[in-house]
Structures are given as structure tokens and as C-alpha cells.
Amino acid sequence: MPISPVEFASLLCSRLCHDLLSPIGALNNGLELLGDESDPAMRKRCLDLLNESARVSANKLKFFRLAFGAGSAFGERVDVREARNAIEGLLGDNKRLTLHWAVEEQMLSKAAVKVLLNLALIAGDTLVRGGTVTIGAEETADTTEIVLQAAGDRVILDPELRATLVNGMAEGADGSITVTPRAAAAFLIHSIVDEAGGSVMVGDPVEGSLLFGAALPNR
């Protein structure tokens, strides 16, 4: 059964709230500690916690604004430096991850940037023990091709995310067809690519490496 726009908006909001809960909760805890603490050394530690939590929150918001939002501040073409900064801000908070940027294009369509960002989000999540995310994109007269590689000691892609990326929906344990908040990014990728008449590819983990790809016709 097709998911309604309202349901999909709810999924994106749930994912956003889930990802922001930890750093904003840390901000709240830091403020409470700061109010009760008089020792200068401990107050400094509280301030460091507040600064770090505020930075992480801002990075996540910048990423999700471009990855999930309408992008009203941009035209139909987006400077790829915006995408790179957003991804570096998000993945850079995980010290176990390394980002390799292999995109030579200066501008990409807004749809392609959203697909690239959300694939990067999923690729980073598959590296449960850390590793490297390599991102590439190439635009021709007819097609924009996006390829990402997640490489590390342990690469795991949840079956629900794989099914949603390729098919738009996943089958639950009870046989129902559904999309959960954790698969919101995968559903967004599938929806954008499907609407454009393109395709999404997800490989199988091979020697600690997993490939993601998407092709979007240029109209």
C-alpha cells in the first residue's frame, strides 16, 4: 500500500528527532550541571560539554536541512561544496569514520544532492566498527550517476534498509508491508530516484566493502 505524504513527513520528523535527541539531551544535562557546580575545573568541563553538544546539534541540523528539507535557499542546482560540508559535519563527529570525496562536479541537481546525502547517511551507519566512506558522482548530458563505497572491518546493512532502497517498502515480521522511521532516508532515496525514472543499486558486502549506487536521468 503506498505511503501517504503525511505518513512520510512523520517518518522524516521521527528520524530527525531521534538523531537530535542525544546531543540536545547532552546540552540540557550540561546546563543542569553548570547551574549546580561551583568548582572552576568542573565548570570548564561543563562548558566544554555544552560547546561540543551545540556543535554536534548544529552539524546535524545543517545536514538534515539539505538532506530532508525543501532546500528553498537553493535553486534547482546545488553547489556540491554545500553537500560536502554537510557530510563532513555529520560523519566527522564519528572519529572512527574517514571520508574520501571523489566528486569533481561543481554543481549537481537538487535531487541528486539529496540522494547523495542520504546514501552517505546510510553508508556511514553500515560501518559499525568504523571505516571509510568514499563518495563519487558524475554528470553527463543524459544521466547523473552516484556511487558510494563503505569499507571497514564490519559492514552491516539492515535488510529493511536494503529492501526499502530497492523496492520502496520492506516486509515486516508479520508479513505487513511498511516503512519505519529508521528507513526514512532509504525511502526518500527510492522515491526521488523512482520519480525521476532512475534506479538504485545496492551490492552485497564483499571483503569488508559495500557499494551503493543511483542513476538519475537528467531532464
N, C-alpha and C. Protein backbone atom coordinates (compact mmCIF):
# COMPACT_ATOMS: atom_id res chain seq x y z
N MET A 1 0.84 -1.18 0.00
CA MET A 1 0.00 0.00 0.00
C MET A 1 0.88 1.24 0.00
N PRO A 2 0.66 2.21 -0.90
CA PRO A 2 1.51 3.40 -0.97
C PRO A 2 1.45 4.20 0.33
N ILE A 3 2.56 4.77 0.69
CA ILE A 3 2.62 5.59 1.89
C ILE A 3 2.15 7.00 1.55
N SER A 4 1.37 7.61 2.44
CA SER A 4 0.83 8.93 2.19
C SER A 4 1.89 9.99 2.49
N PRO A 5 1.74 11.20 1.88
CA PRO A 5 2.70 12.28 2.18
C PRO A 5 2.76 12.62 3.67
N VAL A 6 1.63 12.55 4.36
CA VAL A 6 1.61 12.86 5.79
C VAL A 6 2.40 11.80 6.56
N GLU A 7 2.19 10.53 6.21
CA GLU A 7 2.94 9.46 6.87
C GLU A 7 4.44 9.61 6.63
N PHE A 8 4.80 9.96 5.40
CA PHE A 8 6.21 10.10 5.09
C PHE A 8 6.82 11.28 5.84
N ALA A 9 6.09 12.39 5.93
CA ALA A 9 6.58 13.54 6.70
C ALA A 9 6.78 13.15 8.16
N SER A 10 5.87 12.31 8.68
CA SER A 10 6.00 11.85 10.07
C SER A 10 7.25 11.00 10.25
N LEU A 11 7.56 10.16 9.25
CA LEU A 11 8.76 9.33 9.32
C LEU A 11 10.01 10.19 9.37
N LEU A 12 10.07 11.21 8.51
CA LEU A 12 11.24 12.09 8.49
C LEU A 12 11.38 12.84 9.81
N CYS A 13 10.25 13.31 10.36
CA CYS A 13 10.30 14.01 11.64
C CYS A 13 10.78 13.09 12.76
N SER A 14 10.32 11.84 12.73
CA SER A 14 10.74 10.88 13.75
C SER A 14 12.23 10.61 13.65
N ARG A 15 12.74 10.46 12.44
CA ARG A 15 14.18 10.23 12.27
C ARG A 15 14.98 11.44 12.75
N LEU A 16 14.51 12.62 12.40
CA LEU A 16 15.21 13.84 12.81
C LEU A 16 15.23 13.97 14.32
N CYS A 17 14.09 13.73 14.97
CA CYS A 17 14.02 13.84 16.43
C CYS A 17 14.92 12.80 17.09
N HIS A 18 14.95 11.59 16.53
CA HIS A 18 15.79 10.53 17.10
C HIS A 18 17.26 10.93 17.07
N ASP A 19 17.71 11.50 15.95
CA ASP A 19 19.13 11.84 15.80
C ASP A 19 19.52 13.06 16.62
N LEU A 20 18.56 13.94 16.89
CA LEU A 20 18.88 15.15 17.65
C LEU A 20 18.69 14.98 19.15
N LEU A 21 18.02 13.89 19.56
CA LEU A 21 17.72 13.71 20.97
C LEU A 21 18.98 13.64 21.82
N SER A 22 19.99 12.90 21.35
CA SER A 22 21.20 12.72 22.15
C SER A 22 21.98 14.02 22.36
N PRO A 23 22.34 14.77 21.29
CA PRO A 23 23.11 15.99 21.54
C PRO A 23 22.33 17.07 22.27
N ILE A 24 21.03 17.17 22.02
CA ILE A 24 20.24 18.18 22.72
C ILE A 24 20.03 17.76 24.17
N GLY A 25 19.89 16.45 24.40
CA GLY A 25 19.82 15.97 25.78
C GLY A 25 21.10 16.27 26.54
N ALA A 26 22.24 16.14 25.84
CA ALA A 26 23.52 16.46 26.46
C ALA A 26 23.61 17.95 26.78
N LEU A 27 23.04 18.79 25.93
CA LEU A 27 23.00 20.23 26.22
C LEU A 27 22.23 20.50 27.51
N ASN A 28 21.08 19.85 27.64
CA ASN A 28 20.26 20.04 28.83
C ASN A 28 20.99 19.57 30.08
N ASN A 29 21.65 18.41 29.98
CA ASN A 29 22.40 17.90 31.13
C ASN A 29 23.55 18.83 31.51
N GLY A 30 24.22 19.36 30.49
CA GLY A 30 25.33 20.26 30.75
C GLY A 30 24.88 21.53 31.45
N LEU A 31 23.73 22.06 31.05
CA LEU A 31 23.20 23.27 31.69
C LEU A 31 22.82 23.00 33.14
N GLU A 32 22.25 21.83 33.39
CA GLU A 32 21.89 21.49 34.77
C GLU A 32 23.13 21.36 35.65
N LEU A 33 24.17 20.71 35.11
CA LEU A 33 25.41 20.56 35.86
C LEU A 33 26.07 21.92 36.11
N LEU A 34 26.03 22.78 35.10
CA LEU A 34 26.66 24.09 35.22
C LEU A 34 25.98 24.91 36.31
N GLY A 35 24.67 24.76 36.42
CA GLY A 35 23.93 25.52 37.43
C GLY A 35 24.22 25.07 38.84
N ASP A 36 24.61 23.80 38.99
CA ASP A 36 24.86 23.26 40.34
C ASP A 36 26.34 23.23 40.71
N GLU A 37 27.21 23.53 39.78
CA GLU A 37 28.65 23.37 40.00
C GLU A 37 29.33 24.71 40.27
N SER A 38 30.20 24.72 41.28
CA SER A 38 30.94 25.94 41.60
C SER A 38 32.44 25.78 41.38
N ASP A 39 32.92 24.53 41.29
CA ASP A 39 34.34 24.29 41.08
C ASP A 39 34.74 24.75 39.68
N PRO A 40 35.77 25.62 39.56
CA PRO A 40 36.17 26.15 38.25
C PRO A 40 36.52 25.07 37.23
N ALA A 41 37.22 24.02 37.66
CA ALA A 41 37.61 22.95 36.73
C ALA A 41 36.39 22.21 36.21
N MET A 42 35.44 21.94 37.09
CA MET A 42 34.23 21.24 36.68
C MET A 42 33.35 22.12 35.80
N ARG A 43 33.32 23.41 36.09
CA ARG A 43 32.54 24.33 35.25
C ARG A 43 33.12 24.38 33.84
N LYS A 44 34.45 24.32 33.76
CA LYS A 44 35.07 24.30 32.44
C LYS A 44 34.68 23.04 31.68
N ARG A 45 34.66 21.91 32.38
CA ARG A 45 34.25 20.66 31.74
C ARG A 45 32.80 20.75 31.27
N CYS A 46 31.96 21.39 32.06
CA CYS A 46 30.56 21.57 31.66
C CYS A 46 30.45 22.42 30.41
N LEU A 47 31.25 23.50 30.36
CA LEU A 47 31.23 24.37 29.19
C LEU A 47 31.75 23.64 27.95
N ASP A 48 32.76 22.81 28.13
CA ASP A 48 33.27 22.01 27.01
C ASP A 48 32.19 21.07 26.49
N LEU A 49 31.44 20.46 27.41
CA LEU A 49 30.33 19.58 27.03
C LEU A 49 29.26 20.35 26.27
N LEU A 50 28.94 21.55 26.75
CA LEU A 50 27.94 22.37 26.08
C LEU A 50 28.39 22.76 24.67
N ASN A 51 29.66 23.17 24.55
CA ASN A 51 30.18 23.56 23.24
C ASN A 51 30.14 22.39 22.25
N GLU A 52 30.56 21.21 22.72
CA GLU A 52 30.58 20.03 21.85
C GLU A 52 29.17 19.64 21.45
N SER A 53 28.24 19.64 22.39
CA SER A 53 26.86 19.25 22.10
C SER A 53 26.21 20.25 21.14
N ALA A 54 26.50 21.53 21.33
CA ALA A 54 25.94 22.54 20.43
C ALA A 54 26.49 22.38 19.02
N ARG A 55 27.78 22.07 18.90
CA ARG A 55 28.39 21.87 17.58
C ARG A 55 27.78 20.67 16.87
N VAL A 56 27.63 19.56 17.61
CA VAL A 56 27.05 18.35 17.01
C VAL A 56 25.61 18.61 16.58
N SER A 57 24.85 19.29 17.41
CA SER A 57 23.46 19.60 17.06
C SER A 57 23.38 20.46 15.80
N ALA A 58 24.24 21.47 15.72
CA ALA A 58 24.25 22.35 14.55
C ALA A 58 24.62 21.59 13.29
N ASN A 59 25.62 20.70 13.39
CA ASN A 59 26.03 19.91 12.23
C ASN A 59 24.91 19.01 11.74
N LYS A 60 24.21 18.37 12.67
CA LYS A 60 23.10 17.51 12.29
C LYS A 60 21.98 18.30 11.64
N LEU A 61 21.68 19.48 12.18
CA LEU A 61 20.62 20.30 11.61
C LEU A 61 20.98 20.77 10.20
N LYS A 62 22.23 21.16 10.00
CA LYS A 62 22.67 21.60 8.67
C LYS A 62 22.55 20.46 7.67
N PHE A 63 22.92 19.24 8.11
CA PHE A 63 22.84 18.09 7.22
C PHE A 63 21.39 17.79 6.86
N PHE A 64 20.53 17.68 7.87
CA PHE A 64 19.15 17.30 7.61
C PHE A 64 18.38 18.39 6.88
N ARG A 65 18.78 19.63 7.06
CA ARG A 65 18.14 20.72 6.31
C ARG A 65 18.31 20.50 4.82
N LEU A 66 19.50 20.07 4.41
CA LEU A 66 19.77 19.86 3.00
C LEU A 66 19.30 18.49 2.53
N ALA A 67 19.43 17.47 3.40
CA ALA A 67 19.09 16.11 3.01
C ALA A 67 17.59 15.85 3.02
N PHE A 68 16.87 16.43 3.98
CA PHE A 68 15.44 16.18 4.12
C PHE A 68 14.58 17.37 3.73
N GLY A 69 15.12 18.58 3.86
CA GLY A 69 14.32 19.78 3.68
C GLY A 69 14.01 20.11 2.24
N ALA A 70 13.20 21.16 2.07
CA ALA A 70 12.78 21.58 0.74
C ALA A 70 13.91 22.26 -0.03
N GLY A 71 14.92 22.73 0.68
CA GLY A 71 16.04 23.39 0.00
C GLY A 71 15.65 24.68 -0.67
N SER A 72 14.75 25.45 -0.03
CA SER A 72 14.25 26.67 -0.63
C SER A 72 15.34 27.73 -0.79
N ALA A 73 16.43 27.59 -0.04
CA ALA A 73 17.53 28.55 -0.14
C ALA A 73 18.38 28.30 -1.39
N PHE A 74 18.16 27.16 -2.06
CA PHE A 74 18.93 26.81 -3.24
C PHE A 74 18.03 26.80 -4.47
N GLY A 75 18.66 26.90 -5.64
CA GLY A 75 17.92 26.75 -6.88
C GLY A 75 17.80 25.29 -7.24
N GLU A 76 17.54 25.01 -8.50
CA GLU A 76 17.44 23.63 -8.95
C GLU A 76 18.80 22.95 -9.01
N ARG A 77 19.87 23.75 -8.98
CA ARG A 77 21.23 23.23 -8.95
C ARG A 77 21.89 23.66 -7.65
N VAL A 78 22.67 22.73 -7.06
CA VAL A 78 23.27 23.00 -5.75
C VAL A 78 24.78 22.86 -5.88
N ASP A 79 25.50 23.79 -5.28
CA ASP A 79 26.96 23.72 -5.21
C ASP A 79 27.34 22.49 -4.39
N VAL A 80 28.15 21.61 -4.96
CA VAL A 80 28.49 20.36 -4.26
C VAL A 80 29.29 20.63 -2.98
N ARG A 81 29.87 21.82 -2.86
CA ARG A 81 30.58 22.14 -1.62
C ARG A 81 29.62 22.18 -0.43
N GLU A 82 28.37 22.54 -0.70
CA GLU A 82 27.36 22.51 0.36
C GLU A 82 27.13 21.08 0.83
N ALA A 83 27.05 20.16 -0.13
CA ALA A 83 26.86 18.75 0.21
C ALA A 83 28.07 18.21 0.97
N ARG A 84 29.25 18.54 0.49
CA ARG A 84 30.46 18.04 1.15
C ARG A 84 30.56 18.56 2.58
N ASN A 85 30.30 19.84 2.77
CA ASN A 85 30.37 20.41 4.12
C ASN A 85 29.36 19.74 5.05
N ALA A 86 28.17 19.46 4.52
CA ALA A 86 27.14 18.83 5.34
C ALA A 86 27.55 17.42 5.75
N ILE A 87 28.10 16.66 4.80
CA ILE A 87 28.52 15.29 5.09
C ILE A 87 29.72 15.27 6.04
N GLU A 88 30.68 16.16 5.80
CA GLU A 88 31.84 16.22 6.69
C GLU A 88 31.43 16.60 8.11
N GLY A 89 30.47 17.49 8.21
CA GLY A 89 29.99 17.89 9.53
C GLY A 89 29.32 16.74 10.25
N LEU A 90 28.56 15.91 9.52
CA LEU A 90 27.86 14.79 10.14
C LEU A 90 28.80 13.64 10.44
N LEU A 91 29.52 13.16 9.43
CA LEU A 91 30.38 12.00 9.62
C LEU A 91 31.63 12.33 10.43
N GLY A 92 32.03 13.59 10.39
CA GLY A 92 33.24 13.98 11.11
C GLY A 92 33.12 13.85 12.61
N ASP A 93 31.88 13.80 13.12
CA ASP A 93 31.69 13.63 14.56
C ASP A 93 31.99 12.21 15.01
N ASN A 94 32.02 11.29 14.07
CA ASN A 94 32.39 9.90 14.37
C ASN A 94 33.87 9.73 14.05
N LYS A 95 34.69 9.69 15.10
CA LYS A 95 36.14 9.65 14.91
C LYS A 95 36.61 8.36 14.25
N ARG A 96 35.73 7.36 14.18
CA ARG A 96 36.12 6.09 13.57
C ARG A 96 35.88 6.08 12.07
N LEU A 97 35.28 7.15 11.54
CA LEU A 97 34.98 7.20 10.11
C LEU A 97 35.91 8.17 9.39
N THR A 98 36.29 7.78 8.17
CA THR A 98 37.09 8.64 7.29
C THR A 98 36.30 8.85 6.00
N LEU A 99 36.28 10.08 5.53
CA LEU A 99 35.55 10.41 4.30
C LEU A 99 36.53 10.68 3.17
N HIS A 100 36.32 10.00 2.04
CA HIS A 100 37.05 10.28 0.81
C HIS A 100 36.08 10.88 -0.20
N TRP A 101 36.35 12.09 -0.61
CA TRP A 101 35.46 12.82 -1.52
C TRP A 101 36.03 12.73 -2.93
N ALA A 102 35.26 12.12 -3.85
CA ALA A 102 35.73 11.92 -5.22
C ALA A 102 34.74 12.49 -6.22
N VAL A 103 34.12 13.62 -5.86
CA VAL A 103 33.17 14.29 -6.74
C VAL A 103 33.86 15.48 -7.39
N GLU A 104 33.98 15.46 -8.70
CA GLU A 104 34.65 16.54 -9.42
C GLU A 104 33.67 17.58 -9.95
N GLU A 105 32.40 17.21 -10.02
CA GLU A 105 31.39 18.16 -10.49
C GLU A 105 31.29 19.33 -9.52
N GLN A 106 31.06 20.52 -10.05
CA GLN A 106 30.91 21.69 -9.20
C GLN A 106 29.46 21.91 -8.78
N MET A 107 28.54 21.49 -9.61
CA MET A 107 27.12 21.64 -9.32
C MET A 107 26.40 20.34 -9.66
N LEU A 108 25.38 20.02 -8.88
CA LEU A 108 24.51 18.88 -9.17
C LEU A 108 23.06 19.31 -8.95
N SER A 109 22.16 18.56 -9.54
CA SER A 109 20.75 18.87 -9.33
C SER A 109 20.39 18.68 -7.86
N LYS A 110 19.35 19.38 -7.43
CA LYS A 110 18.91 19.26 -6.04
C LYS A 110 18.54 17.82 -5.71
N ALA A 111 17.90 17.14 -6.66
CA ALA A 111 17.51 15.74 -6.44
C ALA A 111 18.74 14.87 -6.24
N ALA A 112 19.76 15.06 -7.07
CA ALA A 112 20.98 14.26 -6.97
C ALA A 112 21.68 14.50 -5.63
N VAL A 113 21.70 15.74 -5.18
CA VAL A 113 22.34 16.07 -3.90
C VAL A 113 21.61 15.40 -2.74
N LYS A 114 20.29 15.39 -2.78
CA LYS A 114 19.53 14.73 -1.73
C LYS A 114 19.81 13.23 -1.70
N VAL A 115 19.88 12.62 -2.87
CA VAL A 115 20.20 11.19 -2.94
C VAL A 115 21.60 10.95 -2.40
N LEU A 116 22.55 11.76 -2.80
CA LEU A 116 23.93 11.60 -2.34
C LEU A 116 24.04 11.72 -0.83
N LEU A 117 23.39 12.72 -0.26
CA LEU A 117 23.44 12.94 1.19
C LEU A 117 22.83 11.77 1.95
N ASN A 118 21.68 11.32 1.51
CA ASN A 118 21.00 10.25 2.23
C ASN A 118 21.72 8.91 2.07
N LEU A 119 22.34 8.68 0.92
CA LEU A 119 23.16 7.49 0.76
C LEU A 119 24.39 7.55 1.68
N ALA A 120 24.96 8.73 1.82
CA ALA A 120 26.10 8.89 2.73
C ALA A 120 25.70 8.61 4.17
N LEU A 121 24.49 9.04 4.55
CA LEU A 121 23.98 8.77 5.89
C LEU A 121 23.87 7.27 6.14
N ILE A 122 23.32 6.55 5.16
CA ILE A 122 23.16 5.10 5.30
C ILE A 122 24.51 4.41 5.26
N ALA A 123 25.38 4.82 4.35
CA ALA A 123 26.70 4.20 4.24
C ALA A 123 27.48 4.33 5.55
N GLY A 124 27.43 5.50 6.17
CA GLY A 124 28.12 5.69 7.44
C GLY A 124 27.57 4.78 8.53
N ASP A 125 26.25 4.57 8.53
CA ASP A 125 25.63 3.73 9.55
C ASP A 125 25.99 2.25 9.38
N THR A 126 26.37 1.83 8.17
CA THR A 126 26.70 0.42 7.96
C THR A 126 28.06 0.05 8.57
N LEU A 127 28.90 1.04 8.84
CA LEU A 127 30.25 0.77 9.35
C LEU A 127 30.21 0.76 10.87
N VAL A 128 29.78 -0.35 11.42
CA VAL A 128 29.55 -0.42 12.86
C VAL A 128 30.85 -0.36 13.67
N ARG A 129 31.98 -0.70 13.06
CA ARG A 129 33.27 -0.60 13.73
C ARG A 129 34.16 0.48 13.11
N GLY A 130 33.55 1.35 12.35
CA GLY A 130 34.32 2.40 11.69
C GLY A 130 34.85 1.95 10.34
N GLY A 131 35.40 2.90 9.61
CA GLY A 131 35.95 2.59 8.30
C GLY A 131 35.97 3.82 7.42
N THR A 132 35.84 3.60 6.14
CA THR A 132 35.95 4.69 5.16
C THR A 132 34.73 4.74 4.27
N VAL A 133 34.21 5.95 4.09
CA VAL A 133 33.12 6.18 3.14
C VAL A 133 33.69 6.98 1.96
N THR A 134 33.62 6.38 0.78
CA THR A 134 34.09 7.05 -0.44
C THR A 134 32.88 7.46 -1.26
N ILE A 135 32.86 8.71 -1.68
CA ILE A 135 31.70 9.26 -2.38
C ILE A 135 32.12 9.79 -3.75
N GLY A 136 31.43 9.33 -4.78
CA GLY A 136 31.70 9.80 -6.13
C GLY A 136 30.42 10.12 -6.87
N ALA A 137 30.50 11.03 -7.81
CA ALA A 137 29.34 11.38 -8.64
C ALA A 137 29.85 11.94 -9.96
N GLU A 138 29.13 11.59 -11.03
CA GLU A 138 29.50 12.08 -12.36
C GLU A 138 28.23 12.42 -13.12
N GLU A 139 28.26 13.55 -13.77
CA GLU A 139 27.10 14.02 -14.53
C GLU A 139 27.45 14.08 -16.01
N THR A 140 26.61 13.43 -16.82
CA THR A 140 26.74 13.51 -18.28
C THR A 140 25.53 14.26 -18.81
N ALA A 141 25.43 14.34 -20.11
CA ALA A 141 24.30 15.04 -20.70
C ALA A 141 22.98 14.35 -20.39
N ASP A 142 23.03 13.04 -20.19
CA ASP A 142 21.80 12.27 -20.02
C ASP A 142 21.55 11.81 -18.59
N THR A 143 22.60 11.56 -17.83
CA THR A 143 22.43 10.89 -16.54
C THR A 143 23.40 11.43 -15.49
N THR A 144 22.94 11.44 -14.26
CA THR A 144 23.81 11.68 -13.10
C THR A 144 23.96 10.37 -12.36
N GLU A 145 25.20 9.90 -12.23
CA GLU A 145 25.48 8.65 -11.55
C GLU A 145 26.18 8.93 -10.22
N ILE A 146 25.69 8.30 -9.18
CA ILE A 146 26.22 8.47 -7.84
C ILE A 146 26.67 7.11 -7.32
N VAL A 147 27.88 7.04 -6.80
CA VAL A 147 28.40 5.77 -6.28
C VAL A 147 29.05 6.03 -4.93
N LEU A 148 28.73 5.20 -3.95
CA LEU A 148 29.35 5.28 -2.63
C LEU A 148 29.86 3.91 -2.23
N GLN A 149 31.00 3.90 -1.56
CA GLN A 149 31.57 2.66 -1.03
C GLN A 149 31.77 2.81 0.47
N ALA A 150 31.25 1.84 1.21
CA ALA A 150 31.50 1.76 2.64
C ALA A 150 32.46 0.60 2.87
N ALA A 151 33.61 0.88 3.45
CA ALA A 151 34.64 -0.15 3.63
C ALA A 151 35.13 -0.13 5.07
N GLY A 152 35.16 -1.31 5.69
CA GLY A 152 35.62 -1.40 7.07
C GLY A 152 35.68 -2.84 7.53
N ASP A 153 36.05 -3.03 8.79
CA ASP A 153 36.19 -4.37 9.35
C ASP A 153 34.86 -5.10 9.41
N ARG A 154 33.79 -4.36 9.64
CA ARG A 154 32.47 -4.98 9.72
C ARG A 154 31.45 -4.06 9.06
N VAL A 155 30.86 -4.52 7.97
CA VAL A 155 29.89 -3.73 7.22
C VAL A 155 28.55 -4.46 7.28
N ILE A 156 27.54 -3.80 7.86
CA ILE A 156 26.23 -4.43 8.02
C ILE A 156 25.15 -3.47 7.51
N LEU A 157 24.36 -3.94 6.55
CA LEU A 157 23.21 -3.18 6.06
C LEU A 157 21.95 -3.94 6.45
N ASP A 158 21.12 -3.29 7.24
CA ASP A 158 19.89 -3.92 7.70
C ASP A 158 19.03 -4.32 6.50
N PRO A 159 18.45 -5.53 6.51
CA PRO A 159 17.60 -5.98 5.39
C PRO A 159 16.45 -5.02 5.09
N GLU A 160 15.92 -4.37 6.13
CA GLU A 160 14.84 -3.41 5.91
C GLU A 160 15.30 -2.24 5.06
N LEU A 161 16.51 -1.74 5.34
CA LEU A 161 17.03 -0.62 4.56
C LEU A 161 17.32 -1.04 3.12
N ARG A 162 17.88 -2.23 2.95
CA ARG A 162 18.15 -2.72 1.60
C ARG A 162 16.86 -2.83 0.79
N ALA A 163 15.84 -3.45 1.39
CA ALA A 163 14.57 -3.63 0.69
C ALA A 163 13.91 -2.29 0.37
N THR A 164 14.00 -1.35 1.30
CA THR A 164 13.39 -0.04 1.07
C THR A 164 14.13 0.74 -0.01
N LEU A 165 15.46 0.66 -0.01
CA LEU A 165 16.23 1.34 -1.05
C LEU A 165 15.85 0.84 -2.43
N VAL A 166 15.72 -0.47 -2.58
CA VAL A 166 15.49 -1.06 -3.90
C VAL A 166 14.02 -1.07 -4.28
N ASN A 167 13.14 -1.38 -3.31
CA ASN A 167 11.73 -1.59 -3.62
C ASN A 167 10.80 -0.50 -3.10
N GLY A 168 11.29 0.33 -2.19
CA GLY A 168 10.45 1.38 -1.63
C GLY A 168 9.70 0.96 -0.38
N MET A 169 9.63 -0.33 -0.11
CA MET A 169 8.95 -0.86 1.07
C MET A 169 9.70 -2.09 1.55
N ALA A 170 9.44 -2.49 2.80
CA ALA A 170 10.03 -3.70 3.35
C ALA A 170 8.94 -4.52 4.01
N GLU A 171 9.11 -5.83 4.01
CA GLU A 171 8.13 -6.71 4.64
C GLU A 171 8.49 -6.93 6.10
N GLY A 172 7.53 -6.66 6.99
CA GLY A 172 7.75 -6.83 8.41
C GLY A 172 7.69 -8.29 8.82
N ALA A 173 7.98 -8.55 10.10
CA ALA A 173 7.97 -9.92 10.61
C ALA A 173 6.59 -10.55 10.51
N ASP A 174 5.54 -9.72 10.58
CA ASP A 174 4.17 -10.25 10.49
C ASP A 174 3.65 -10.30 9.07
N GLY A 175 4.52 -10.03 8.11
CA GLY A 175 4.12 -10.08 6.71
C GLY A 175 3.58 -8.78 6.17
N SER A 176 3.44 -7.76 7.03
CA SER A 176 2.93 -6.47 6.57
C SER A 176 4.01 -5.71 5.82
N ILE A 177 3.58 -4.86 4.91
CA ILE A 177 4.49 -4.02 4.14
C ILE A 177 4.51 -2.64 4.76
N THR A 178 5.68 -2.18 5.17
CA THR A 178 5.73 -0.95 5.94
C THR A 178 7.04 -0.23 5.73
N VAL A 179 7.10 1.01 6.22
CA VAL A 179 8.33 1.79 6.29
C VAL A 179 8.42 2.35 7.71
N THR A 180 9.54 2.14 8.37
CA THR A 180 9.73 2.63 9.72
C THR A 180 10.59 3.89 9.70
N PRO A 181 10.61 4.66 10.80
CA PRO A 181 11.42 5.89 10.81
C PRO A 181 12.88 5.66 10.49
N ARG A 182 13.47 4.53 10.91
CA ARG A 182 14.88 4.29 10.65
C ARG A 182 15.15 4.08 9.16
N ALA A 183 14.09 3.78 8.39
CA ALA A 183 14.24 3.60 6.95
C ALA A 183 13.79 4.83 6.16
N ALA A 184 13.56 5.94 6.85
CA ALA A 184 13.06 7.14 6.18
C ALA A 184 14.01 7.63 5.09
N ALA A 185 15.31 7.62 5.37
CA ALA A 185 16.28 8.08 4.37
C ALA A 185 16.28 7.16 3.16
N ALA A 186 16.16 5.86 3.39
CA ALA A 186 16.13 4.90 2.29
C ALA A 186 14.88 5.11 1.44
N PHE A 187 13.75 5.37 2.09
CA PHE A 187 12.51 5.59 1.34
C PHE A 187 12.59 6.88 0.53
N LEU A 188 13.22 7.90 1.10
CA LEU A 188 13.37 9.16 0.38
C LEU A 188 14.23 8.96 -0.86
N ILE A 189 15.32 8.22 -0.73
CA ILE A 189 16.18 7.93 -1.88
C ILE A 189 15.39 7.23 -2.97
N HIS A 190 14.70 6.15 -2.59
CA HIS A 190 13.92 5.39 -3.57
C HIS A 190 12.88 6.27 -4.25
N SER A 191 12.19 7.11 -3.47
CA SER A 191 11.13 7.95 -4.02
C SER A 191 11.67 8.95 -5.03
N ILE A 192 12.78 9.61 -4.69
CA ILE A 192 13.36 10.60 -5.59
C ILE A 192 13.83 9.96 -6.89
N VAL A 193 14.54 8.84 -6.76
CA VAL A 193 15.07 8.16 -7.94
C VAL A 193 13.96 7.58 -8.79
N ASP A 194 12.96 6.97 -8.14
CA ASP A 194 11.85 6.37 -8.88
C ASP A 194 11.05 7.43 -9.63
N GLU A 195 10.82 8.57 -8.99
CA GLU A 195 10.07 9.65 -9.64
C GLU A 195 10.82 10.18 -10.86
N ALA A 196 12.15 10.15 -10.79
CA ALA A 196 12.96 10.64 -11.91
C ALA A 196 13.10 9.59 -13.02
N GLY A 197 12.61 8.37 -12.76
CA GLY A 197 12.75 7.31 -13.76
C GLY A 197 14.12 6.66 -13.73
N GLY A 198 14.80 6.73 -12.57
CA GLY A 198 16.13 6.16 -12.45
C GLY A 198 16.12 4.84 -11.70
N SER A 199 17.27 4.48 -11.15
CA SER A 199 17.39 3.20 -10.46
C SER A 199 18.37 3.32 -9.31
N VAL A 200 18.19 2.44 -8.30
CA VAL A 200 19.07 2.36 -7.15
C VAL A 200 19.71 0.98 -7.13
N MET A 201 20.99 0.92 -6.85
CA MET A 201 21.71 -0.35 -6.77
C MET A 201 22.35 -0.49 -5.41
N VAL A 202 22.21 -1.67 -4.81
CA VAL A 202 22.86 -1.98 -3.55
C VAL A 202 23.57 -3.31 -3.71
N GLY A 203 24.88 -3.34 -3.51
CA GLY A 203 25.63 -4.58 -3.67
C GLY A 203 25.59 -5.41 -2.40
N ASP A 204 26.27 -6.54 -2.45
CA ASP A 204 26.45 -7.38 -1.28
C ASP A 204 27.83 -7.11 -0.69
N PRO A 205 27.96 -7.19 0.63
CA PRO A 205 29.29 -6.97 1.24
C PRO A 205 30.32 -7.97 0.70
N VAL A 206 31.42 -7.46 0.20
CA VAL A 206 32.49 -8.29 -0.33
C VAL A 206 33.80 -7.84 0.29
N GLU A 207 34.41 -8.70 1.09
CA GLU A 207 35.69 -8.41 1.73
C GLU A 207 35.67 -7.06 2.44
N GLY A 208 34.64 -6.86 3.24
CA GLY A 208 34.56 -5.64 4.03
C GLY A 208 34.23 -4.40 3.24
N SER A 209 33.59 -4.56 2.09
CA SER A 209 33.24 -3.41 1.26
C SER A 209 31.82 -3.57 0.72
N LEU A 210 31.08 -2.48 0.73
CA LEU A 210 29.70 -2.48 0.25
C LEU A 210 29.50 -1.28 -0.65
N LEU A 211 28.91 -1.50 -1.83
CA LEU A 211 28.70 -0.44 -2.81
C LEU A 211 27.23 -0.04 -2.87
N PHE A 212 27.00 1.26 -2.96
CA PHE A 212 25.67 1.82 -3.20
C PHE A 212 25.75 2.64 -4.48
N GLY A 213 24.70 2.61 -5.27
CA GLY A 213 24.71 3.41 -6.49
C GLY A 213 23.31 3.90 -6.84
N ALA A 214 23.25 5.00 -7.56
CA ALA A 214 21.98 5.52 -8.05
C ALA A 214 22.23 6.22 -9.38
N ALA A 215 21.29 6.07 -10.29
CA ALA A 215 21.37 6.75 -11.59
C ALA A 215 20.08 7.53 -11.78
N LEU A 216 20.24 8.83 -12.04
CA LEU A 216 19.08 9.70 -12.26
C LEU A 216 19.15 10.32 -13.64
N PRO A 217 18.15 10.08 -14.49
CA PRO A 217 18.14 10.73 -15.80
C PRO A 217 18.06 12.24 -15.65
N ASN A 218 18.79 12.96 -16.48
CA ASN A 218 18.75 14.42 -16.47
C ASN A 218 17.67 14.89 -17.43
N ARG A 219 16.72 15.58 -16.92
CA ARG A 219 15.59 16.03 -17.74
C ARG A 219 15.73 17.49 -18.11
